[in-house]
Amino acid sequence: MINTRPNRNASWDIAQVNSTWSYAQWLKKVAENGINLQHVPRHFRDQRMCITALENASIALKFIPINLLTYQICHNEVLKNPFAISYIPNQYYNLELVKLACQLNGKALRLVPENYQTLEVVKIALKSNKLASEYVLDTNKLNQARIEIMNSNGQVSPYAYNRGGWVDNKKSFQSSKTNFLRKRKLSQ
């Protein structure tokens, strides 16, 4: 027996698509859900269709022909949704878009490749969201960014540079205090 019920998980049933659909029918489907742009025949994908798709789904960036994509469109999508940084093609991907995404939501740092995770980008992400620290790929940059942020806020840094690596001063202080008390007990 053939199942004739439509797939409720799909935004629309691809089996119902007719190759004779007009531009207006495709545009209506894309307006319902921007992800539907992936099903639109290439000859119907124009500026209007692509902008309509982007109005409700940043992921539609993946399906826009490169000749219709501009830096301004990419910039606007990152402004609307910082996580759209992952859909930006290489020719428009730059440090300014990365900074913008991390400023709007520090957790966007998880989508940023290591070569774009500069100290400045890490600081921007941490200022935006402290939880972004788990996405920093270089621990030295993370610790340096923490120190610079604390120094700019007039706070004393709990970190110190010690023999080629960053050390947590609080832990060092606690271990020194424990060792001192131990030695004191032994001498009594």
C-alpha atoms as a PDB file:
ATOM      1  CA  MET A   1       0.000   0.000   0.000  1.00  0.00           C
ATOM      2  CA  ILE A   2       1.346   3.410  -0.951  1.00  0.00           C
ATOM      3  CA  ASN A   3       1.353   6.124   1.665  1.00  0.00           C
ATOM      4  CA  THR A   4      -0.446   9.131   0.210  1.00  0.00           C
ATOM      5  CA  ARG A   5      -0.400  11.300   3.328  1.00  0.00           C
ATOM      6  CA  PRO A   6       1.807  14.370   3.053  1.00  0.00           C
ATOM      7  CA  ASN A   7       4.965  14.518   5.139  1.00  0.00           C
ATOM      8  CA  ARG A   8       4.068  16.756   8.064  1.00  0.00           C
ATOM      9  CA  ASN A   9       7.719  17.466   8.824  1.00  0.00           C
ATOM     10  CA  ALA A  10       8.339  18.960   5.386  1.00  0.00           C
ATOM     11  CA  SER A  11       7.412  22.581   4.824  1.00  0.00           C
ATOM     12  CA  TRP A  12       5.593  21.415   1.700  1.00  0.00           C
ATOM     13  CA  ASP A  13       5.304  18.175  -0.200  1.00  0.00           C
ATOM     14  CA  ILE A  14       7.961  18.035  -2.917  1.00  0.00           C
ATOM     15  CA  ALA A  15       5.977  15.307  -4.692  1.00  0.00           C
ATOM     16  CA  GLN A  16       3.300  17.875  -5.487  1.00  0.00           C
ATOM     17  CA  VAL A  17       5.730  20.156  -7.280  1.00  0.00           C
ATOM     18  CA  ASN A  18       4.948  20.449 -10.919  1.00  0.00           C
ATOM     19  CA  SER A  19       7.657  21.404 -13.395  1.00  0.00           C
ATOM     20  CA  THR A  20       5.184  23.836 -14.924  1.00  0.00           C
ATOM     21  CA  TRP A  21       4.960  25.997 -11.819  1.00  0.00           C
ATOM     22  CA  SER A  22       5.113  29.686 -12.529  1.00  0.00           C
ATOM     23  CA  TYR A  23       7.470  32.190 -10.962  1.00  0.00           C
ATOM     24  CA  ALA A  24       4.612  33.467  -8.779  1.00  0.00           C
ATOM     25  CA  GLN A  25       3.925  29.978  -7.382  1.00  0.00           C
ATOM     26  CA  TRP A  26       7.592  29.495  -6.492  1.00  0.00           C
ATOM     27  CA  LEU A  27       7.743  32.955  -4.937  1.00  0.00           C
ATOM     28  CA  LYS A  28       4.729  32.137  -2.771  1.00  0.00           C
ATOM     29  CA  LYS A  29       6.400  28.944  -1.489  1.00  0.00           C
ATOM     30  CA  VAL A  30       9.637  30.802  -0.759  1.00  0.00           C
ATOM     31  CA  ALA A  31       7.697  33.525   1.076  1.00  0.00           C
ATOM     32  CA  GLU A  32       6.149  30.812   3.295  1.00  0.00           C
ATOM     33  CA  ASN A  33       9.572  29.458   4.220  1.00  0.00           C
ATOM     34  CA  GLY A  34      12.901  30.767   2.931  1.00  0.00           C
ATOM     35  CA  ILE A  35      14.461  27.304   3.019  1.00  0.00           C
ATOM     36  CA  ASN A  36      12.201  26.383   0.103  1.00  0.00           C
ATOM     37  CA  LEU A  37      14.612  28.343  -2.088  1.00  0.00           C
ATOM     38  CA  GLN A  38      16.672  25.162  -2.337  1.00  0.00           C
ATOM     39  CA  HIS A  39      13.896  23.555  -4.418  1.00  0.00           C
ATOM     40  CA  VAL A  40      13.409  26.490  -6.787  1.00  0.00           C
ATOM     41  CA  PRO A  41      14.811  25.904 -10.293  1.00  0.00           C
ATOM     42  CA  ARG A  42      17.922  28.020 -10.881  1.00  0.00           C
ATOM     43  CA  HIS A  43      16.348  30.005 -13.720  1.00  0.00           C
ATOM     44  CA  PHE A  44      13.731  31.382 -11.270  1.00  0.00           C
ATOM     45  CA  ARG A  45      16.256  32.456  -8.630  1.00  0.00           C
ATOM     46  CA  ASP A  46      16.536  36.190  -9.055  1.00  0.00           C
ATOM     47  CA  GLN A  47      17.182  39.096  -6.666  1.00  0.00           C
ATOM     48  CA  ARG A  48      13.529  39.355  -5.604  1.00  0.00           C
ATOM     49  CA  MET A  49      13.214  35.606  -4.934  1.00  0.00           C
ATOM     50  CA  CYS A  50      16.439  35.554  -2.900  1.00  0.00           C
ATOM     51  CA  ILE A  51      15.562  38.607  -0.796  1.00  0.00           C
ATOM     52  CA  THR A  52      12.152  37.061  -0.089  1.00  0.00           C
ATOM     53  CA  ALA A  53      13.854  33.864   1.082  1.00  0.00           C
ATOM     54  CA  LEU A  54      16.183  35.784   3.388  1.00  0.00           C
ATOM     55  CA  GLU A  55      13.312  37.621   5.060  1.00  0.00           C
ATOM     56  CA  ASN A  56      12.484  34.569   7.173  1.00  0.00           C
ATOM     57  CA  ALA A  57      15.470  32.210   6.954  1.00  0.00           C
ATOM     58  CA  SER A  58      19.143  33.199   7.058  1.00  0.00           C
ATOM     59  CA  ILE A  59      20.059  29.658   6.033  1.00  0.00           C
ATOM     60  CA  ALA A  60      18.761  30.569   2.573  1.00  0.00           C
ATOM     61  CA  LEU A  61      22.167  32.234   2.040  1.00  0.00           C
ATOM     62  CA  LYS A  62      23.411  28.747   1.175  1.00  0.00           C
ATOM     63  CA  PHE A  63      21.063  28.532  -1.804  1.00  0.00           C
ATOM     64  CA  ILE A  64      21.538  31.984  -3.324  1.00  0.00           C
ATOM     65  CA  PRO A  65      23.568  31.979  -6.540  1.00  0.00           C
ATOM     66  CA  ILE A  66      26.912  33.678  -5.931  1.00  0.00           C
ATOM     67  CA  ASN A  67      26.294  36.185  -8.742  1.00  0.00           C
ATOM     68  CA  LEU A  68      23.245  37.524  -6.831  1.00  0.00           C
ATOM     69  CA  LEU A  69      24.934  37.696  -3.447  1.00  0.00           C
ATOM     70  CA  THR A  70      26.560  40.944  -2.312  1.00  0.00           C
ATOM     71  CA  TYR A  71      28.571  41.988   0.716  1.00  0.00           C
ATOM     72  CA  GLN A  72      25.666  44.194   1.824  1.00  0.00           C
ATOM     73  CA  ILE A  73      23.258  41.228   1.802  1.00  0.00           C
ATOM     74  CA  CYS A  74      25.723  39.197   3.899  1.00  0.00           C
ATOM     75  CA  HIS A  75      26.200  42.115   6.300  1.00  0.00           C
ATOM     76  CA  ASN A  76      22.439  42.550   6.730  1.00  0.00           C
ATOM     77  CA  GLU A  77      21.961  38.833   7.418  1.00  0.00           C
ATOM     78  CA  VAL A  78      24.640  38.869  10.129  1.00  0.00           C
ATOM     79  CA  LEU A  79      22.900  41.911  11.651  1.00  0.00           C
ATOM     80  CA  LYS A  80      19.599  40.001  11.743  1.00  0.00           C
ATOM     81  CA  ASN A  81      21.129  36.703  12.878  1.00  0.00           C
ATOM     82  CA  PRO A  82      24.762  36.533  14.083  1.00  0.00           C
ATOM     83  CA  PHE A  83      24.819  32.774  13.491  1.00  0.00           C
ATOM     84  CA  ALA A  84      24.371  33.437   9.754  1.00  0.00           C
ATOM     85  CA  ILE A  85      28.152  33.941   9.765  1.00  0.00           C
ATOM     86  CA  SER A  86      28.411  30.218   9.054  1.00  0.00           C
ATOM     87  CA  TYR A  87      26.620  30.622   5.693  1.00  0.00           C
ATOM     88  CA  ILE A  88      28.727  33.503   4.369  1.00  0.00           C
ATOM     89  CA  PRO A  89      30.765  32.467   1.298  1.00  0.00           C
ATOM     90  CA  ASN A  90      34.553  32.851   1.441  1.00  0.00           C
ATOM     91  CA  GLN A  91      34.677  35.853  -0.880  1.00  0.00           C
ATOM     92  CA  TYR A  92      32.563  37.941   1.543  1.00  0.00           C
ATOM     93  CA  TYR A  93      33.809  36.406   4.804  1.00  0.00           C
ATOM     94  CA  ASN A  94      36.048  38.894   6.590  1.00  0.00           C
ATOM     95  CA  LEU A  95      37.145  40.092  10.008  1.00  0.00           C
ATOM     96  CA  GLU A  96      34.544  42.877  10.107  1.00  0.00           C
ATOM     97  CA  LEU A  97      31.649  40.415   9.707  1.00  0.00           C
ATOM     98  CA  VAL A  98      33.202  38.141  12.339  1.00  0.00           C
ATOM     99  CA  LYS A  99      33.516  41.059  14.788  1.00  0.00           C
ATOM    100  CA  LEU A 100      29.927  42.091  14.111  1.00  0.00           C
ATOM    101  CA  ALA A 101      28.594  38.575  14.700  1.00  0.00           C
ATOM    102  CA  CYS A 102      30.574  38.169  17.940  1.00  0.00           C
ATOM    103  CA  GLN A 103      29.517  41.603  19.167  1.00  0.00           C
ATOM    104  CA  LEU A 104      25.843  40.766  18.654  1.00  0.00           C
ATOM    105  CA  ASN A 105      26.170  37.314  20.220  1.00  0.00           C
ATOM    106  CA  GLY A 106      29.435  36.074  21.705  1.00  0.00           C
ATOM    107  CA  LYS A 107      28.408  32.471  21.135  1.00  0.00           C
ATOM    108  CA  ALA A 108      28.747  33.055  17.386  1.00  0.00           C
ATOM    109  CA  LEU A 109      32.458  32.529  18.086  1.00  0.00           C
ATOM    110  CA  ARG A 110      31.814  28.784  17.856  1.00  0.00           C
ATOM    111  CA  LEU A 111      31.278  29.223  14.112  1.00  0.00           C
ATOM    112  CA  VAL A 112      34.463  31.236  13.577  1.00  0.00           C
ATOM    113  CA  PRO A 113      37.544  29.390  12.269  1.00  0.00           C
ATOM    114  CA  GLU A 114      40.756  29.618  14.292  1.00  0.00           C
ATOM    115  CA  ASN A 115      42.521  31.940  11.845  1.00  0.00           C
ATOM    116  CA  TYR A 116      39.783  34.546  12.455  1.00  0.00           C
ATOM    117  CA  GLN A 117      39.839  34.154  16.241  1.00  0.00           C
ATOM    118  CA  THR A 118      42.171  37.074  16.853  1.00  0.00           C
ATOM    119  CA  LEU A 119      42.683  38.551  20.307  1.00  0.00           C
ATOM    120  CA  GLU A 120      40.368  41.415  19.372  1.00  0.00           C
ATOM    121  CA  VAL A 121      37.600  39.043  18.214  1.00  0.00           C
ATOM    122  CA  VAL A 122      37.941  36.947  21.382  1.00  0.00           C
ATOM    123  CA  LYS A 123      37.655  40.089  23.550  1.00  0.00           C
ATOM    124  CA  ILE A 124      34.565  41.221  21.650  1.00  0.00           C
ATOM    125  CA  ALA A 125      32.929  37.801  22.062  1.00  0.00           C
ATOM    126  CA  LEU A 126      33.736  37.626  25.791  1.00  0.00           C
ATOM    127  CA  LYS A 127      32.375  41.124  26.404  1.00  0.00           C
ATOM    128  CA  SER A 128      29.183  40.111  24.631  1.00  0.00           C
ATOM    129  CA  ASN A 129      28.787  36.768  26.398  1.00  0.00           C
ATOM    130  CA  LYS A 130      31.116  35.293  29.022  1.00  0.00           C
ATOM    131  CA  LEU A 131      30.058  31.795  27.983  1.00  0.00           C
ATOM    132  CA  ALA A 132      31.825  32.365  24.656  1.00  0.00           C
ATOM    133  CA  SER A 133      35.041  31.335  26.425  1.00  0.00           C
ATOM    134  CA  GLU A 134      34.259  27.680  25.739  1.00  0.00           C
ATOM    135  CA  TYR A 135      34.547  28.333  21.982  1.00  0.00           C
ATOM    136  CA  VAL A 136      37.994  29.970  22.048  1.00  0.00           C
ATOM    137  CA  LEU A 137      40.421  27.597  20.347  1.00  0.00           C
ATOM    138  CA  ASP A 138      43.637  29.168  21.712  1.00  0.00           C
ATOM    139  CA  THR A 139      43.807  29.237  25.540  1.00  0.00           C
ATOM    140  CA  ASN A 140      46.583  31.837  25.539  1.00  0.00           C
ATOM    141  CA  LYS A 141      44.345  34.220  23.583  1.00  0.00           C
ATOM    142  CA  LEU A 142      41.505  33.472  25.980  1.00  0.00           C
ATOM    143  CA  ASN A 143      43.579  34.282  29.048  1.00  0.00           C
ATOM    144  CA  GLN A 144      45.138  37.361  27.450  1.00  0.00           C
ATOM    145  CA  ALA A 145      41.660  38.612  26.500  1.00  0.00           C
ATOM    146  CA  ARG A 146      40.418  38.054  30.055  1.00  0.00           C
ATOM    147  CA  ILE A 147      43.338  40.042  31.463  1.00  0.00           C
ATOM    148  CA  GLU A 148      42.843  42.922  29.040  1.00  0.00           C
ATOM    149  CA  ILE A 149      39.106  43.045  29.734  1.00  0.00           C
ATOM    150  CA  MET A 150      39.694  43.095  33.488  1.00  0.00           C
ATOM    151  CA  ASN A 151      42.418  45.742  33.191  1.00  0.00           C
ATOM    152  CA  SER A 152      40.159  47.930  31.070  1.00  0.00           C
ATOM    153  CA  ASN A 153      37.497  47.639  33.786  1.00  0.00           C
ATOM    154  CA  GLY A 154      40.000  48.623  36.488  1.00  0.00           C
ATOM    155  CA  GLN A 155      39.993  45.184  38.114  1.00  0.00           C
ATOM    156  CA  VAL A 156      42.993  43.211  39.315  1.00  0.00           C
ATOM    157  CA  SER A 157      43.676  40.239  37.111  1.00  0.00           C
ATOM    158  CA  PRO A 158      43.430  36.782  38.705  1.00  0.00           C
ATOM    159  CA  TYR A 159      45.826  35.485  36.032  1.00  0.00           C
ATOM    160  CA  ALA A 160      49.586  35.839  35.733  1.00  0.00           C
ATOM    161  CA  TYR A 161      52.119  34.858  33.106  1.00  0.00           C
ATOM    162  CA  ASN A 162      54.506  32.293  34.548  1.00  0.00           C
ATOM    163  CA  ARG A 163      57.306  30.498  32.659  1.00  0.00           C
ATOM    164  CA  GLY A 164      55.689  30.365  29.246  1.00  0.00           C
ATOM    165  CA  GLY A 165      52.078  29.875  30.279  1.00  0.00           C
ATOM    166  CA  TRP A 166      49.127  31.550  31.931  1.00  0.00           C
ATOM    167  CA  VAL A 167      48.530  30.648  35.554  1.00  0.00           C
ATOM    168  CA  ASP A 168      45.539  31.304  37.745  1.00  0.00           C
ATOM    169  CA  ASN A 169      46.840  33.517  40.599  1.00  0.00           C
ATOM    170  CA  LYS A 170      44.056  32.401  42.939  1.00  0.00           C
ATOM    171  CA  LYS A 171      45.089  28.763  42.600  1.00  0.00           C
ATOM    172  CA  SER A 172      48.771  29.664  42.983  1.00  0.00           C
ATOM    173  CA  PHE A 173      47.974  31.699  46.084  1.00  0.00           C
ATOM    174  CA  GLN A 174      45.921  28.867  47.596  1.00  0.00           C
ATOM    175  CA  SER A 175      48.650  26.288  46.962  1.00  0.00           C
ATOM    176  CA  SER A 176      51.310  28.632  48.419  1.00  0.00           C
ATOM    177  CA  LYS A 177      49.155  29.225  51.492  1.00  0.00           C
ATOM    178  CA  THR A 178      48.581  25.478  51.925  1.00  0.00           C
ATOM    179  CA  ASN A 179      52.314  24.757  51.625  1.00  0.00           C
ATOM    180  CA  PHE A 180      53.130  27.504  54.134  1.00  0.00           C
ATOM    181  CA  LEU A 181      50.621  26.134  56.668  1.00  0.00           C
ATOM    182  CA  ARG A 182      51.929  22.599  56.172  1.00  0.00           C
ATOM    183  CA  LYS A 183      55.519  23.681  56.802  1.00  0.00           C
ATOM    184  CA  ARG A 184      54.410  25.652  59.857  1.00  0.00           C
ATOM    185  CA  LYS A 185      52.686  22.571  61.341  1.00  0.00           C
ATOM    186  CA  LEU A 186      55.748  20.418  60.740  1.00  0.00           C
ATOM    187  CA  SER A 187      58.056  22.883  62.462  1.00  0.00           C
ATOM    188  CA  GLN A 188      55.932  22.982  65.634  1.00  0.00           C
END
